Amino acid sequence: MSPRQMGWSGLLLFFVGLAVVSLGGWNFETEVLTGCGLLLGGGYLATLIGIGLIFWGVVRSESHR
C-alpha cells in the first residue's frame, strides 16, 4: 500500500470509527468496561487504528522524499 493510500484509508477508518462512537455515545465506563458495548469498543479501536494509519502514511511519505 502506498503512503498516500495508507493516509486516505486511515482517514476513512477514523471517520467511520468516530461515527460509530458518536452514535453509540461516549459512556465508556458502563458500555465498554461491562462488555455490553462491543460495537462501541470497535468504534474506539477503528478510530485509533485510523489515526495510526494516517501518521504512518505521513511518516512513510516523508521518508520517501
PDB file of N, CA and C in Angstrom:
ATOM      1  N   MET A   1       0.851  -1.167   0.000  1.00  0.00           N
ATOM      2  CA  MET A   1       0.000   0.000   0.000  1.00  0.00           C
ATOM      3  C   MET A   1       0.898   1.233   0.000  1.00  0.00           C
ATOM      4  N   SER A   2       0.592   2.157  -0.869  1.00  0.00           N
ATOM      5  CA  SER A   2       1.400   3.369  -0.941  1.00  0.00           C
ATOM      6  C   SER A   2       1.087   4.273   0.257  1.00  0.00           C
ATOM      7  N   PRO A   3       2.000   5.183   0.572  1.00  0.00           N
ATOM      8  CA  PRO A   3       1.748   6.091   1.707  1.00  0.00           C
ATOM      9  C   PRO A   3       0.485   6.927   1.529  1.00  0.00           C
ATOM     10  N   ARG A   4       0.207   7.332   0.298  1.00  0.00           N
ATOM     11  CA  ARG A   4      -0.996   8.132   0.054  1.00  0.00           C
ATOM     12  C   ARG A   4      -2.258   7.300   0.307  1.00  0.00           C
ATOM     13  N   GLN A   5      -2.265   6.062  -0.177  1.00  0.00           N
ATOM     14  CA  GLN A   5      -3.407   5.175   0.067  1.00  0.00           C
ATOM     15  C   GLN A   5      -3.567   4.893   1.557  1.00  0.00           C
ATOM     16  N   MET A   6      -2.445   4.750   2.241  1.00  0.00           N
ATOM     17  CA  MET A   6      -2.490   4.486   3.675  1.00  0.00           C
ATOM     18  C   MET A   6      -3.097   5.674   4.418  1.00  0.00           C
ATOM     19  N   GLY A   7      -2.723   6.874   4.023  1.00  0.00           N
ATOM     20  CA  GLY A   7      -3.276   8.068   4.656  1.00  0.00           C
ATOM     21  C   GLY A   7      -4.773   8.201   4.432  1.00  0.00           C
ATOM     22  N   TRP A   8      -5.222   7.967   3.181  1.00  0.00           N
ATOM     23  CA  TRP A   8      -6.650   8.068   2.888  1.00  0.00           C
ATOM     24  C   TRP A   8      -7.440   6.956   3.561  1.00  0.00           C
ATOM     25  N   SER A   9      -6.883   5.758   3.605  1.00  0.00           N
ATOM     26  CA  SER A   9      -7.556   4.655   4.298  1.00  0.00           C
ATOM     27  C   SER A   9      -7.681   4.955   5.784  1.00  0.00           C
ATOM     28  N   GLY A  10      -6.621   5.512   6.362  1.00  0.00           N
ATOM     29  CA  GLY A  10      -6.657   5.883   7.773  1.00  0.00           C
ATOM     30  C   GLY A  10      -7.688   6.951   8.056  1.00  0.00           C
ATOM     31  N   LEU A  11      -7.790   7.922   7.149  1.00  0.00           N
ATOM     32  CA  LEU A  11      -8.772   8.990   7.331  1.00  0.00           C
ATOM     33  C   LEU A  11     -10.197   8.440   7.258  1.00  0.00           C
ATOM     34  N   LEU A  12     -10.437   7.545   6.308  1.00  0.00           N
ATOM     35  CA  LEU A  12     -11.755   6.933   6.188  1.00  0.00           C
ATOM     36  C   LEU A  12     -12.086   6.093   7.419  1.00  0.00           C
ATOM     37  N   LEU A  13     -11.123   5.302   7.866  1.00  0.00           N
ATOM     38  CA  LEU A  13     -11.334   4.470   9.049  1.00  0.00           C
ATOM     39  C   LEU A  13     -11.553   5.323  10.295  1.00  0.00           C
ATOM     40  N   PHE A  14     -10.841   6.442  10.393  1.00  0.00           N
ATOM     41  CA  PHE A  14     -11.010   7.359  11.511  1.00  0.00           C
ATOM     42  C   PHE A  14     -12.438   7.896  11.556  1.00  0.00           C
ATOM     43  N   PHE A  15     -12.951   8.336  10.399  1.00  0.00           N
ATOM     44  CA  PHE A  15     -14.299   8.897  10.376  1.00  0.00           C
ATOM     45  C   PHE A  15     -15.374   7.837  10.618  1.00  0.00           C
ATOM     46  N   VAL A  16     -15.153   6.624  10.120  1.00  0.00           N
ATOM     47  CA  VAL A  16     -16.109   5.542  10.388  1.00  0.00           C
ATOM     48  C   VAL A  16     -16.130   5.227  11.884  1.00  0.00           C
ATOM     49  N   GLY A  17     -14.957   5.121  12.487  1.00  0.00           N
ATOM     50  CA  GLY A  17     -14.883   4.866  13.924  1.00  0.00           C
ATOM     51  C   GLY A  17     -15.497   5.982  14.742  1.00  0.00           C
ATOM     52  N   LEU A  18     -15.257   7.210  14.308  1.00  0.00           N
ATOM     53  CA  LEU A  18     -15.826   8.359  15.006  1.00  0.00           C
ATOM     54  C   LEU A  18     -17.352   8.357  14.913  1.00  0.00           C
ATOM     55  N   ALA A  19     -17.882   7.975  13.751  1.00  0.00           N
ATOM     56  CA  ALA A  19     -19.337   7.909  13.592  1.00  0.00           C
ATOM     57  C   ALA A  19     -19.935   6.823  14.484  1.00  0.00           C
ATOM     58  N   VAL A  20     -19.276   5.675  14.562  1.00  0.00           N
ATOM     59  CA  VAL A  20     -19.773   4.586  15.410  1.00  0.00           C
ATOM     60  C   VAL A  20     -19.761   5.006  16.872  1.00  0.00           C
ATOM     61  N   VAL A  21     -18.693   5.647  17.292  1.00  0.00           N
ATOM     62  CA  VAL A  21     -18.597   6.095  18.685  1.00  0.00           C
ATOM     63  C   VAL A  21     -19.636   7.172  18.968  1.00  0.00           C
ATOM     64  N   SER A  22     -19.845   8.083  18.024  1.00  0.00           N
ATOM     65  CA  SER A  22     -20.830   9.146  18.225  1.00  0.00           C
ATOM     66  C   SER A  22     -22.245   8.590  18.311  1.00  0.00           C
ATOM     67  N   LEU A  23     -22.549   7.610  17.472  1.00  0.00           N
ATOM     68  CA  LEU A  23     -23.886   7.019  17.522  1.00  0.00           C
ATOM     69  C   LEU A  23     -24.082   6.176  18.774  1.00  0.00           C
ATOM     70  N   GLY A  24     -23.010   5.565  19.255  1.00  0.00           N
ATOM     71  CA  GLY A  24     -23.111   4.718  20.439  1.00  0.00           C
ATOM     72  C   GLY A  24     -23.051   5.484  21.742  1.00  0.00           C
ATOM     73  N   GLY A  25     -22.628   6.709  21.700  1.00  0.00           N
ATOM     74  CA  GLY A  25     -22.481   7.506  22.906  1.00  0.00           C
ATOM     75  C   GLY A  25     -21.073   7.414  23.460  1.00  0.00           C
ATOM     76  N   TRP A  26     -20.757   8.287  24.371  1.00  0.00           N
ATOM     77  CA  TRP A  26     -19.397   8.375  24.926  1.00  0.00           C
ATOM     78  C   TRP A  26     -19.315   7.806  26.332  1.00  0.00           C
ATOM     79  N   ASN A  27     -20.289   7.007  26.752  1.00  0.00           N
ATOM     80  CA  ASN A  27     -20.324   6.480  28.112  1.00  0.00           C
ATOM     81  C   ASN A  27     -19.410   5.256  28.208  1.00  0.00           C
ATOM     82  N   PHE A  28     -18.118   5.511  28.317  1.00  0.00           N
ATOM     83  CA  PHE A  28     -17.105   4.454  28.239  1.00  0.00           C
ATOM     84  C   PHE A  28     -17.208   3.466  29.390  1.00  0.00           C
ATOM     85  N   GLU A  29     -17.426   3.950  30.591  1.00  0.00           N
ATOM     86  CA  GLU A  29     -17.374   3.084  31.770  1.00  0.00           C
ATOM     87  C   GLU A  29     -18.481   2.031  31.754  1.00  0.00           C
ATOM     88  N   THR A  30     -19.692   2.421  31.449  1.00  0.00           N
ATOM     89  CA  THR A  30     -20.792   1.462  31.525  1.00  0.00           C
ATOM     90  C   THR A  30     -20.914   0.615  30.271  1.00  0.00           C
ATOM     91  N   GLU A  31     -20.492   1.121  29.122  1.00  0.00           N
ATOM     92  CA  GLU A  31     -20.666   0.374  27.879  1.00  0.00           C
ATOM     93  C   GLU A  31     -19.507  -0.572  27.604  1.00  0.00           C
ATOM     94  N   VAL A  32     -18.289  -0.066  27.631  1.00  0.00           N
ATOM     95  CA  VAL A  32     -17.136  -0.867  27.220  1.00  0.00           C
ATOM     96  C   VAL A  32     -16.646  -1.757  28.350  1.00  0.00           C
ATOM     97  N   LEU A  33     -16.517  -1.209  29.547  1.00  0.00           N
ATOM     98  CA  LEU A  33     -15.922  -1.976  30.637  1.00  0.00           C
ATOM     99  C   LEU A  33     -16.825  -3.100  31.132  1.00  0.00           C
ATOM    100  N   THR A  34     -18.131  -2.988  30.934  1.00  0.00           N
ATOM    101  CA  THR A  34     -19.025  -4.067  31.335  1.00  0.00           C
ATOM    102  C   THR A  34     -19.208  -5.101  30.236  1.00  0.00           C
ATOM    103  N   GLY A  35     -18.677  -4.854  29.066  1.00  0.00           N
ATOM    104  CA  GLY A  35     -18.783  -5.802  27.964  1.00  0.00           C
ATOM    105  C   GLY A  35     -20.050  -5.658  27.151  1.00  0.00           C
ATOM    106  N   CYS A  36     -20.882  -4.681  27.464  1.00  0.00           N
ATOM    107  CA  CYS A  36     -22.144  -4.510  26.732  1.00  0.00           C
ATOM    108  C   CYS A  36     -21.954  -3.767  25.417  1.00  0.00           C
ATOM    109  N   GLY A  37     -20.904  -2.997  25.312  1.00  0.00           N
ATOM    110  CA  GLY A  37     -20.730  -2.161  24.129  1.00  0.00           C
ATOM    111  C   GLY A  37     -19.613  -2.631  23.233  1.00  0.00           C
ATOM    112  N   LEU A  38     -19.752  -3.812  22.669  1.00  0.00           N
ATOM    113  CA  LEU A  38     -18.718  -4.331  21.776  1.00  0.00           C
ATOM    114  C   LEU A  38     -18.605  -3.464  20.524  1.00  0.00           C
ATOM    115  N   LEU A  39     -19.728  -2.984  20.022  1.00  0.00           N
ATOM    116  CA  LEU A  39     -19.706  -2.112  18.856  1.00  0.00           C
ATOM    117  C   LEU A  39     -19.018  -0.792  19.183  1.00  0.00           C
ATOM    118  N   LEU A  40     -19.283  -0.265  20.361  1.00  0.00           N
ATOM    119  CA  LEU A  40     -18.647   0.979  20.777  1.00  0.00           C
ATOM    120  C   LEU A  40     -17.141   0.794  20.934  1.00  0.00           C
ATOM    121  N   GLY A  41     -16.730  -0.328  21.498  1.00  0.00           N
ATOM    122  CA  GLY A  41     -15.303  -0.628  21.603  1.00  0.00           C
ATOM    123  C   GLY A  41     -14.656  -0.755  20.241  1.00  0.00           C
ATOM    124  N   GLY A  42     -15.375  -1.350  19.292  1.00  0.00           N
ATOM    125  CA  GLY A  42     -14.877  -1.433  17.921  1.00  0.00           C
ATOM    126  C   GLY A  42     -14.738  -0.066  17.290  1.00  0.00           C
ATOM    127  N   GLY A  43     -15.638   0.833  17.633  1.00  0.00           N
ATOM    128  CA  GLY A  43     -15.539   2.209  17.132  1.00  0.00           C
ATOM    129  C   GLY A  43     -14.304   2.910  17.657  1.00  0.00           C
ATOM    130  N   TYR A  44     -14.036   2.732  18.955  1.00  0.00           N
ATOM    131  CA  TYR A  44     -12.816   3.305  19.529  1.00  0.00           C
ATOM    132  C   TYR A  44     -11.574   2.709  18.867  1.00  0.00           C
ATOM    133  N   LEU A  45     -11.571   1.407  18.658  1.00  0.00           N
ATOM    134  CA  LEU A  45     -10.435   0.733  18.037  1.00  0.00           C
ATOM    135  C   LEU A  45     -10.239   1.201  16.598  1.00  0.00           C
ATOM    136  N   ALA A  46     -11.328   1.327  15.841  1.00  0.00           N
ATOM    137  CA  ALA A  46     -11.229   1.799  14.458  1.00  0.00           C
ATOM    138  C   ALA A  46     -10.689   3.220  14.403  1.00  0.00           C
ATOM    139  N   THR A  47     -11.112   4.060  15.344  1.00  0.00           N
ATOM    140  CA  THR A  47     -10.616   5.432  15.387  1.00  0.00           C
ATOM    141  C   THR A  47      -9.118   5.461  15.660  1.00  0.00           C
ATOM    142  N   LEU A  48      -8.661   4.669  16.615  1.00  0.00           N
ATOM    143  CA  LEU A  48      -7.233   4.635  16.937  1.00  0.00           C
ATOM    144  C   LEU A  48      -6.404   4.056  15.797  1.00  0.00           C
ATOM    145  N   ILE A  49      -6.907   3.004  15.150  1.00  0.00           N
ATOM    146  CA  ILE A  49      -6.183   2.433  14.013  1.00  0.00           C
ATOM    147  C   ILE A  49      -6.137   3.434  12.864  1.00  0.00           C
ATOM    148  N   GLY A  50      -7.227   4.160  12.653  1.00  0.00           N
ATOM    149  CA  GLY A  50      -7.248   5.189  11.615  1.00  0.00           C
ATOM    150  C   GLY A  50      -6.222   6.273  11.863  1.00  0.00           C
ATOM    151  N   ILE A  51      -6.109   6.727  13.105  1.00  0.00           N
ATOM    152  CA  ILE A  51      -5.099   7.733  13.452  1.00  0.00           C
ATOM    153  C   ILE A  51      -3.705   7.176  13.211  1.00  0.00           C
ATOM    154  N   GLY A  52      -3.494   5.916  13.592  1.00  0.00           N
ATOM    155  CA  GLY A  52      -2.193   5.285  13.363  1.00  0.00           C
ATOM    156  C   GLY A  52      -1.851   5.189  11.891  1.00  0.00           C
ATOM    157  N   LEU A  53      -2.826   4.818  11.058  1.00  0.00           N
ATOM    158  CA  LEU A  53      -2.575   4.726   9.621  1.00  0.00           C
ATOM    159  C   LEU A  53      -2.268   6.083   9.005  1.00  0.00           C
ATOM    160  N   ILE A  54      -2.954   7.121   9.469  1.00  0.00           N
ATOM    161  CA  ILE A  54      -2.681   8.467   8.960  1.00  0.00           C
ATOM    162  C   ILE A  54      -1.245   8.857   9.274  1.00  0.00           C
ATOM    163  N   PHE A  55      -0.832   8.696  10.519  1.00  0.00           N
ATOM    164  CA  PHE A  55       0.532   9.074  10.894  1.00  0.00           C
ATOM    165  C   PHE A  55       1.572   8.197  10.213  1.00  0.00           C
ATOM    166  N   TRP A  56       1.299   6.904  10.088  1.00  0.00           N
ATOM    167  CA  TRP A  56       2.252   6.009   9.426  1.00  0.00           C
ATOM    168  C   TRP A  56       2.386   6.371   7.947  1.00  0.00           C
ATOM    169  N   GLY A  57       1.274   6.750   7.305  1.00  0.00           N
ATOM    170  CA  GLY A  57       1.334   7.195   5.915  1.00  0.00           C
ATOM    171  C   GLY A  57       2.134   8.467   5.757  1.00  0.00           C
ATOM    172  N   VAL A  58       1.986   9.395   6.699  1.00  0.00           N
ATOM    173  CA  VAL A  58       2.761  10.640   6.649  1.00  0.00           C
ATOM    174  C   VAL A  58       4.240  10.356   6.842  1.00  0.00           C
ATOM    175  N   VAL A  59       4.575   9.492   7.787  1.00  0.00           N
ATOM    176  CA  VAL A  59       5.981   9.158   8.046  1.00  0.00           C
ATOM    177  C   VAL A  59       6.600   8.482   6.830  1.00  0.00           C
ATOM    178  N   ARG A  60       5.870   7.562   6.227  1.00  0.00           N
ATOM    179  CA  ARG A  60       6.410   6.859   5.051  1.00  0.00           C
ATOM    180  C   ARG A  60       6.559   7.789   3.859  1.00  0.00           C
ATOM    181  N   SER A  61       5.609   8.726   3.680  1.00  0.00           N
ATOM    182  CA  SER A  61       5.715   9.637   2.543  1.00  0.00           C
ATOM    183  C   SER A  61       6.871  10.611   2.730  1.00  0.00           C
ATOM    184  N   GLU A  62       7.125  11.018   3.968  1.00  0.00           N
ATOM    185  CA  GLU A  62       8.247  11.923   4.226  1.00  0.00           C
ATOM    186  C   GLU A  62       9.583  11.214   4.066  1.00  0.00           C
ATOM    187  N   SER A  63       9.633   9.934   4.377  1.00  0.00           N
ATOM    188  CA  SER A  63      10.898   9.212   4.253  1.00  0.00           C
ATOM    189  C   SER A  63      11.213   8.871   2.798  1.00  0.00           C
ATOM    190  N   HIS A  64      10.207   8.891   1.926  1.00  0.00           N
ATOM    191  CA  HIS A  64      10.442   8.610   0.510  1.00  0.00           C
ATOM    192  C   HIS A  64      10.878   9.839  -0.266  1.00  0.00           C
ATOM    193  N   ARG A  65      10.817  11.001   0.327  1.00  0.00           N
ATOM    194  CA  ARG A  65      11.204  12.230  -0.380  1.00  0.00           C
ATOM    195  C   ARG A  65      12.682  12.410  -0.394  1.00  0.00           C
TER     196      ARG A  65
END
